[in-house]
Amino acid sequence: MPAKIATEESLEQLEQLEEKIQRAVELLQSARAEKEALLRENQQLQRRVAEQEHLLRQMQESLNRFEKEKEVVRAKVRKILEQVDVLTQAATDAS
């Protein structure tokens, strides 16, 4: 009898160990799947960041170009206003 009880206890312990191992395997599989999903998401986010950085560089270049153009226009307007002042002064002096 005692050998039969010991065998039953051993079988129960073995089944418990098997269940623990199965849970550990399932946890490991779940963790691996989550890791893969996170790696894919990380790659997507890195691509989006790279795209946004590229877009930002383009916008900064455009802004710099517009600032230069604005300065050119401002200088031309200043020159035209000076010429108008000269013409206005000349007309006033002639009167």
C-alpha atoms as a PDB file:
ATOM      1  CA  MET A   1       0.000   0.000   0.000  1.00  0.00           C
ATOM      2  CA  PRO A   2       2.615   2.574   0.922  1.00  0.00           C
ATOM      3  CA  ALA A   3       4.299   2.092  -2.445  1.00  0.00           C
ATOM      4  CA  LYS A   4       0.984   2.745  -4.184  1.00  0.00           C
ATOM      5  CA  ILE A   5       0.453   5.947  -2.158  1.00  0.00           C
ATOM      6  CA  ALA A   6       3.999   7.078  -2.907  1.00  0.00           C
ATOM      7  CA  THR A   7       3.438   6.394  -6.597  1.00  0.00           C
ATOM      8  CA  GLU A   8       0.172   8.354  -6.573  1.00  0.00           C
ATOM      9  CA  GLU A   9       1.888  11.250  -4.797  1.00  0.00           C
ATOM     10  CA  SER A  10       4.728  11.121  -7.284  1.00  0.00           C
ATOM     11  CA  LEU A  11       2.246  11.165 -10.151  1.00  0.00           C
ATOM     12  CA  GLU A  12       0.429  14.131  -8.638  1.00  0.00           C
ATOM     13  CA  GLN A  13       3.719  15.973  -8.173  1.00  0.00           C
ATOM     14  CA  LEU A  14       4.669  15.141 -11.734  1.00  0.00           C
ATOM     15  CA  GLU A  15       1.307  16.444 -13.001  1.00  0.00           C
ATOM     16  CA  GLN A  16       1.725  19.639 -10.977  1.00  0.00           C
ATOM     17  CA  LEU A  17       5.205  20.081 -12.372  1.00  0.00           C
ATOM     18  CA  GLU A  18       3.877  19.481 -15.875  1.00  0.00           C
ATOM     19  CA  GLU A  19       1.186  22.141 -15.339  1.00  0.00           C
ATOM     20  CA  LYS A  20       3.776  24.624 -14.072  1.00  0.00           C
ATOM     21  CA  ILE A  21       5.999  23.932 -17.051  1.00  0.00           C
ATOM     22  CA  GLN A  22       3.041  24.330 -19.417  1.00  0.00           C
ATOM     23  CA  ARG A  23       2.150  27.697 -17.818  1.00  0.00           C
ATOM     24  CA  ALA A  24       5.782  28.775 -18.089  1.00  0.00           C
ATOM     25  CA  VAL A  25       5.832  27.794 -21.781  1.00  0.00           C
ATOM     26  CA  GLU A  26       2.594  29.717 -22.406  1.00  0.00           C
ATOM     27  CA  LEU A  27       3.980  32.775 -20.610  1.00  0.00           C
ATOM     28  CA  LEU A  28       7.170  32.553 -22.642  1.00  0.00           C
ATOM     29  CA  GLN A  29       5.219  32.283 -25.902  1.00  0.00           C
ATOM     30  CA  SER A  30       3.061  35.209 -24.900  1.00  0.00           C
ATOM     31  CA  ALA A  31       6.101  37.287 -23.969  1.00  0.00           C
ATOM     32  CA  ARG A  32       7.784  36.448 -27.284  1.00  0.00           C
ATOM     33  CA  ALA A  33       4.657  37.402 -29.241  1.00  0.00           C
ATOM     34  CA  GLU A  34       4.402  40.670 -27.317  1.00  0.00           C
ATOM     35  CA  LYS A  35       8.086  41.370 -27.918  1.00  0.00           C
ATOM     36  CA  GLU A  36       7.643  40.819 -31.669  1.00  0.00           C
ATOM     37  CA  ALA A  37       4.606  43.101 -31.737  1.00  0.00           C
ATOM     38  CA  LEU A  38       6.531  45.783 -29.854  1.00  0.00           C
ATOM     39  CA  LEU A  39       9.503  45.457 -32.203  1.00  0.00           C
ATOM     40  CA  ARG A  40       7.206  45.904 -35.225  1.00  0.00           C
ATOM     41  CA  GLU A  41       5.550  48.909 -33.602  1.00  0.00           C
ATOM     42  CA  ASN A  42       8.974  50.344 -32.770  1.00  0.00           C
ATOM     43  CA  GLN A  43      10.072  50.002 -36.397  1.00  0.00           C
ATOM     44  CA  GLN A  44       6.898  51.705 -37.602  1.00  0.00           C
ATOM     45  CA  LEU A  45       7.401  54.550 -35.149  1.00  0.00           C
ATOM     46  CA  GLN A  46      11.038  54.935 -36.182  1.00  0.00           C
ATOM     47  CA  ARG A  47       9.951  55.181 -39.828  1.00  0.00           C
ATOM     48  CA  ARG A  48       7.353  57.805 -38.914  1.00  0.00           C
ATOM     49  CA  VAL A  49       9.935  59.783 -36.939  1.00  0.00           C
ATOM     50  CA  ALA A  50      12.324  59.670 -39.900  1.00  0.00           C
ATOM     51  CA  GLU A  51       9.538  60.858 -42.222  1.00  0.00           C
ATOM     52  CA  GLN A  52       8.608  63.667 -39.837  1.00  0.00           C
ATOM     53  CA  GLU A  53      12.258  64.716 -39.517  1.00  0.00           C
ATOM     54  CA  HIS A  54      12.531  64.815 -43.317  1.00  0.00           C
ATOM     55  CA  LEU A  55       9.360  66.880 -43.551  1.00  0.00           C
ATOM     56  CA  LEU A  56      10.642  69.223 -40.841  1.00  0.00           C
ATOM     57  CA  ARG A  57      13.913  69.742 -42.727  1.00  0.00           C
ATOM     58  CA  GLN A  58      11.961  70.537 -45.894  1.00  0.00           C
ATOM     59  CA  MET A  59       9.776  73.021 -44.047  1.00  0.00           C
ATOM     60  CA  GLN A  60      12.812  74.671 -42.445  1.00  0.00           C
ATOM     61  CA  GLU A  61      14.438  75.005 -45.860  1.00  0.00           C
ATOM     62  CA  SER A  62      11.241  76.544 -47.238  1.00  0.00           C
ATOM     63  CA  LEU A  63      11.033  78.915 -44.302  1.00  0.00           C
ATOM     64  CA  ASN A  64      14.643  80.012 -44.826  1.00  0.00           C
ATOM     65  CA  ARG A  65      13.955  80.549 -48.522  1.00  0.00           C
ATOM     66  CA  PHE A  66      10.838  82.602 -47.724  1.00  0.00           C
ATOM     67  CA  GLU A  67      12.762  84.690 -45.205  1.00  0.00           C
ATOM     68  CA  LYS A  68      15.402  85.473 -47.829  1.00  0.00           C
ATOM     69  CA  GLU A  69      12.741  86.325 -50.390  1.00  0.00           C
ATOM     70  CA  LYS A  70      11.029  88.571 -47.847  1.00  0.00           C
ATOM     71  CA  GLU A  71      14.272  90.460 -47.282  1.00  0.00           C
ATOM     72  CA  VAL A  72      14.741  90.892 -51.031  1.00  0.00           C
ATOM     73  CA  VAL A  73      11.177  92.195 -51.403  1.00  0.00           C
ATOM     74  CA  ARG A  74      11.628  94.485 -48.397  1.00  0.00           C
ATOM     75  CA  ALA A  75      14.832  95.927 -49.903  1.00  0.00           C
ATOM     76  CA  LYS A  76      13.091  96.504 -53.252  1.00  0.00           C
ATOM     77  CA  VAL A  77      10.123  98.210 -51.580  1.00  0.00           C
ATOM     78  CA  ARG A  78      12.509 100.398 -49.544  1.00  0.00           C
ATOM     79  CA  LYS A  79      14.338 101.361 -52.742  1.00  0.00           C
ATOM     80  CA  ILE A  80      11.052 102.183 -54.522  1.00  0.00           C
ATOM     81  CA  LEU A  81       9.890 104.274 -51.542  1.00  0.00           C
ATOM     82  CA  GLU A  82      13.181 106.175 -51.586  1.00  0.00           C
ATOM     83  CA  GLN A  83      12.729 106.858 -55.293  1.00  0.00           C
ATOM     84  CA  VAL A  84       9.172 108.062 -54.654  1.00  0.00           C
ATOM     85  CA  ASP A  85      10.500 110.343 -51.911  1.00  0.00           C
ATOM     86  CA  VAL A  86      13.103 111.752 -54.286  1.00  0.00           C
ATOM     87  CA  LEU A  87      10.468 112.328 -56.970  1.00  0.00           C
ATOM     88  CA  THR A  88       8.072 113.866 -54.444  1.00  0.00           C
ATOM     89  CA  GLN A  89      10.823 116.114 -53.089  1.00  0.00           C
ATOM     90  CA  ALA A  90      11.806 117.136 -56.593  1.00  0.00           C
ATOM     91  CA  ALA A  91       8.186 117.959 -57.423  1.00  0.00           C
ATOM     92  CA  THR A  92       7.868 119.961 -54.216  1.00  0.00           C
ATOM     93  CA  ASP A  93      11.121 121.836 -54.902  1.00  0.00           C
ATOM     94  CA  ALA A  94       9.987 122.613 -58.456  1.00  0.00           C
ATOM     95  CA  SER A  95       6.776 124.210 -57.239  1.00  0.00           C
END
